[in-house]
């Protein structure tokens, strides 16, 4: 049980509630978040209102990597990918101008890397 935030168990995963601003930089909080992730498999963080906060929380779970498929990367934040909004059509796979894959099926990005979780 953490004094730094509340973990609300759900049918799948858990919701993290009450994480104080900047708390994710505390090594104790990082360890608690990591332990919650290992226990629940999926963590939901609601009300994360900035990209910087999103990235800071993401770093609690390991080093971030730039996605290997450049068209999917966010223009403003290359550590993120866009799967909707203005960039949604970029997620399709093209060979020159011919559409090769209508959508990318479920997969694990960077599964070929040595640091796979």
C-alpha atoms as a PDB file:
ATOM      1  CA  UNK A   1       0.000   0.000   0.000  1.00  0.00           C
ATOM      2  CA  UNK A   2       1.440   3.333  -1.035  1.00  0.00           C
ATOM      3  CA  UNK A   3       1.216   6.574   0.891  1.00  0.00           C
ATOM      4  CA  UNK A   4       1.954   8.412  -2.363  1.00  0.00           C
ATOM      5  CA  UNK A   5      -1.093   7.378  -4.405  1.00  0.00           C
ATOM      6  CA  UNK A   6      -4.067   5.007  -4.396  1.00  0.00           C
ATOM      7  CA  UNK A   7      -4.313   1.869  -6.518  1.00  0.00           C
ATOM      8  CA  UNK A   8      -7.907   1.020  -7.458  1.00  0.00           C
ATOM      9  CA  UNK A   9      -8.088  -2.558  -8.743  1.00  0.00           C
ATOM     10  CA  UNK A  10     -10.248  -3.105 -11.810  1.00  0.00           C
ATOM     11  CA  UNK A  11     -11.279  -6.245 -13.686  1.00  0.00           C
ATOM     12  CA  UNK A  12      -8.321  -5.640 -15.957  1.00  0.00           C
ATOM     13  CA  UNK A  13      -5.446  -3.667 -14.479  1.00  0.00           C
ATOM     14  CA  UNK A  14      -5.671  -0.864 -11.951  1.00  0.00           C
ATOM     15  CA  UNK A  15      -6.274   2.882 -11.878  1.00  0.00           C
ATOM     16  CA  UNK A  16      -3.690   5.114 -10.206  1.00  0.00           C
ATOM     17  CA  UNK A  17      -5.383   7.956  -8.322  1.00  0.00           C
ATOM     18  CA  UNK A  18      -3.930  10.895  -6.410  1.00  0.00           C
ATOM     19  CA  UNK A  19      -0.405  10.910  -7.793  1.00  0.00           C
ATOM     20  CA  UNK A  20       0.950  14.294  -6.691  1.00  0.00           C
ATOM     21  CA  UNK A  21       2.525  16.668  -9.196  1.00  0.00           C
ATOM     22  CA  UNK A  22       6.175  15.702  -9.633  1.00  0.00           C
ATOM     23  CA  UNK A  23       5.885  12.612  -7.413  1.00  0.00           C
ATOM     24  CA  UNK A  24       6.995  10.378 -10.282  1.00  0.00           C
ATOM     25  CA  UNK A  25      10.541  11.731  -9.900  1.00  0.00           C
ATOM     26  CA  UNK A  26      10.807  10.302  -6.345  1.00  0.00           C
ATOM     27  CA  UNK A  27      12.679   6.942  -6.420  1.00  0.00           C
ATOM     28  CA  UNK A  28      10.277   5.464  -3.838  1.00  0.00           C
ATOM     29  CA  UNK A  29       7.248   6.425  -5.935  1.00  0.00           C
ATOM     30  CA  UNK A  30       8.909   5.041  -9.077  1.00  0.00           C
ATOM     31  CA  UNK A  31       9.471   1.724  -7.298  1.00  0.00           C
ATOM     32  CA  UNK A  32       5.861   1.633  -6.057  1.00  0.00           C
ATOM     33  CA  UNK A  33       4.476   2.397  -9.519  1.00  0.00           C
ATOM     34  CA  UNK A  34       6.695  -0.269 -11.038  1.00  0.00           C
ATOM     35  CA  UNK A  35       5.523  -2.809  -8.436  1.00  0.00           C
ATOM     36  CA  UNK A  36       1.885  -1.890  -9.150  1.00  0.00           C
ATOM     37  CA  UNK A  37       2.505  -2.416 -12.866  1.00  0.00           C
ATOM     38  CA  UNK A  38       4.027  -5.849 -12.247  1.00  0.00           C
ATOM     39  CA  UNK A  39       1.091  -6.804 -10.037  1.00  0.00           C
ATOM     40  CA  UNK A  40      -1.746  -5.492 -12.236  1.00  0.00           C
ATOM     41  CA  UNK A  41      -0.263  -5.632 -15.748  1.00  0.00           C
ATOM     42  CA  UNK A  42      -2.071  -2.483 -16.915  1.00  0.00           C
ATOM     43  CA  UNK A  43      -2.149   0.869 -15.112  1.00  0.00           C
ATOM     44  CA  UNK A  44      -4.629   3.632 -15.949  1.00  0.00           C
ATOM     45  CA  UNK A  45      -3.595   7.226 -15.210  1.00  0.00           C
ATOM     46  CA  UNK A  46      -6.506   9.644 -15.612  1.00  0.00           C
ATOM     47  CA  UNK A  47      -6.220  13.422 -15.665  1.00  0.00           C
ATOM     48  CA  UNK A  48      -2.668  13.523 -17.010  1.00  0.00           C
ATOM     49  CA  UNK A  49      -2.965  16.898 -18.701  1.00  0.00           C
ATOM     50  CA  UNK A  50       0.468  17.362 -20.228  1.00  0.00           C
ATOM     51  CA  UNK A  51       2.735  15.458 -22.541  1.00  0.00           C
ATOM     52  CA  UNK A  52       5.670  16.135 -20.233  1.00  0.00           C
ATOM     53  CA  UNK A  53       3.851  14.492 -17.294  1.00  0.00           C
ATOM     54  CA  UNK A  54       2.868  11.546 -19.513  1.00  0.00           C
ATOM     55  CA  UNK A  55       6.505  11.046 -20.511  1.00  0.00           C
ATOM     56  CA  UNK A  56       7.761  11.465 -16.925  1.00  0.00           C
ATOM     57  CA  UNK A  57       5.384   8.753 -15.687  1.00  0.00           C
ATOM     58  CA  UNK A  58       6.357   6.523 -18.617  1.00  0.00           C
ATOM     59  CA  UNK A  59      10.016   6.777 -17.574  1.00  0.00           C
ATOM     60  CA  UNK A  60       9.113   5.085 -14.263  1.00  0.00           C
ATOM     61  CA  UNK A  61       8.805   1.839 -16.223  1.00  0.00           C
ATOM     62  CA  UNK A  62      12.046   1.993 -18.196  1.00  0.00           C
ATOM     63  CA  UNK A  63      13.988   3.890 -20.793  1.00  0.00           C
ATOM     64  CA  UNK A  64      11.827   5.340 -23.565  1.00  0.00           C
ATOM     65  CA  UNK A  65      12.516   4.478 -27.194  1.00  0.00           C
ATOM     66  CA  UNK A  66      11.623   6.279 -30.378  1.00  0.00           C
ATOM     67  CA  UNK A  67       9.217   4.189 -32.470  1.00  0.00           C
ATOM     68  CA  UNK A  68      10.998   2.583 -35.450  1.00  0.00           C
ATOM     69  CA  UNK A  69       8.230   3.572 -37.917  1.00  0.00           C
ATOM     70  CA  UNK A  70       8.798   7.316 -38.550  1.00  0.00           C
ATOM     71  CA  UNK A  71       5.364   8.137 -40.068  1.00  0.00           C
ATOM     72  CA  UNK A  72       3.656   7.062 -36.831  1.00  0.00           C
ATOM     73  CA  UNK A  73       5.734   9.385 -34.633  1.00  0.00           C
ATOM     74  CA  UNK A  74       4.215  12.549 -33.269  1.00  0.00           C
ATOM     75  CA  UNK A  75       5.597  15.615 -35.014  1.00  0.00           C
ATOM     76  CA  UNK A  76       5.840  17.566 -31.752  1.00  0.00           C
ATOM     77  CA  UNK A  77       7.000  14.725 -29.485  1.00  0.00           C
ATOM     78  CA  UNK A  78       8.880  11.957 -31.338  1.00  0.00           C
ATOM     79  CA  UNK A  79       8.834   9.719 -28.240  1.00  0.00           C
ATOM     80  CA  UNK A  80       5.063   9.401 -28.754  1.00  0.00           C
ATOM     81  CA  UNK A  81       3.102   7.892 -31.610  1.00  0.00           C
ATOM     82  CA  UNK A  82      -0.224   9.160 -32.875  1.00  0.00           C
ATOM     83  CA  UNK A  83      -2.940   6.590 -33.441  1.00  0.00           C
ATOM     84  CA  UNK A  84      -5.753   9.039 -34.008  1.00  0.00           C
ATOM     85  CA  UNK A  85      -6.412  12.662 -34.789  1.00  0.00           C
ATOM     86  CA  UNK A  86      -4.707  14.432 -37.688  1.00  0.00           C
ATOM     87  CA  UNK A  87      -1.978  11.793 -38.020  1.00  0.00           C
ATOM     88  CA  UNK A  88      -4.259   8.727 -38.114  1.00  0.00           C
ATOM     89  CA  UNK A  89      -3.754   8.051 -41.835  1.00  0.00           C
ATOM     90  CA  UNK A  90       0.016   7.909 -41.358  1.00  0.00           C
ATOM     91  CA  UNK A  91      -0.266   4.636 -39.435  1.00  0.00           C
ATOM     92  CA  UNK A  92      -1.089   2.736 -42.619  1.00  0.00           C
ATOM     93  CA  UNK A  93       1.810   0.943 -44.291  1.00  0.00           C
ATOM     94  CA  UNK A  94       2.631   2.109 -47.809  1.00  0.00           C
ATOM     95  CA  UNK A  95       5.211   0.982 -50.348  1.00  0.00           C
ATOM     96  CA  UNK A  96       5.860   4.111 -52.381  1.00  0.00           C
ATOM     97  CA  UNK A  97       2.247   5.097 -53.135  1.00  0.00           C
ATOM     98  CA  UNK A  98       0.607   1.650 -52.899  1.00  0.00           C
ATOM     99  CA  UNK A  99      -1.250   0.751 -49.732  1.00  0.00           C
ATOM    100  CA  UNK A 100       0.190  -2.561 -48.473  1.00  0.00           C
ATOM    101  CA  UNK A 101      -1.546  -2.949 -45.131  1.00  0.00           C
ATOM    102  CA  UNK A 102      -4.901  -1.320 -44.364  1.00  0.00           C
ATOM    103  CA  UNK A 103      -4.163  -1.296 -40.671  1.00  0.00           C
ATOM    104  CA  UNK A 104      -1.468  -2.649 -38.436  1.00  0.00           C
ATOM    105  CA  UNK A 105      -2.765  -5.686 -36.542  1.00  0.00           C
ATOM    106  CA  UNK A 106      -2.045  -6.257 -32.852  1.00  0.00           C
ATOM    107  CA  UNK A 107       1.673  -6.567 -32.301  1.00  0.00           C
ATOM    108  CA  UNK A 108       4.428  -5.724 -29.842  1.00  0.00           C
ATOM    109  CA  UNK A 109       6.554  -2.789 -31.007  1.00  0.00           C
ATOM    110  CA  UNK A 110      10.297  -3.342 -30.828  1.00  0.00           C
ATOM    111  CA  UNK A 111       9.880  -7.032 -29.938  1.00  0.00           C
ATOM    112  CA  UNK A 112      13.198  -7.637 -31.664  1.00  0.00           C
ATOM    113  CA  UNK A 113      15.172  -5.542 -29.159  1.00  0.00           C
ATOM    114  CA  UNK A 114      17.272  -7.116 -26.390  1.00  0.00           C
ATOM    115  CA  UNK A 115      15.482  -5.132 -23.652  1.00  0.00           C
ATOM    116  CA  UNK A 116      11.969  -6.481 -24.201  1.00  0.00           C
ATOM    117  CA  UNK A 117       9.977  -6.594 -20.969  1.00  0.00           C
END
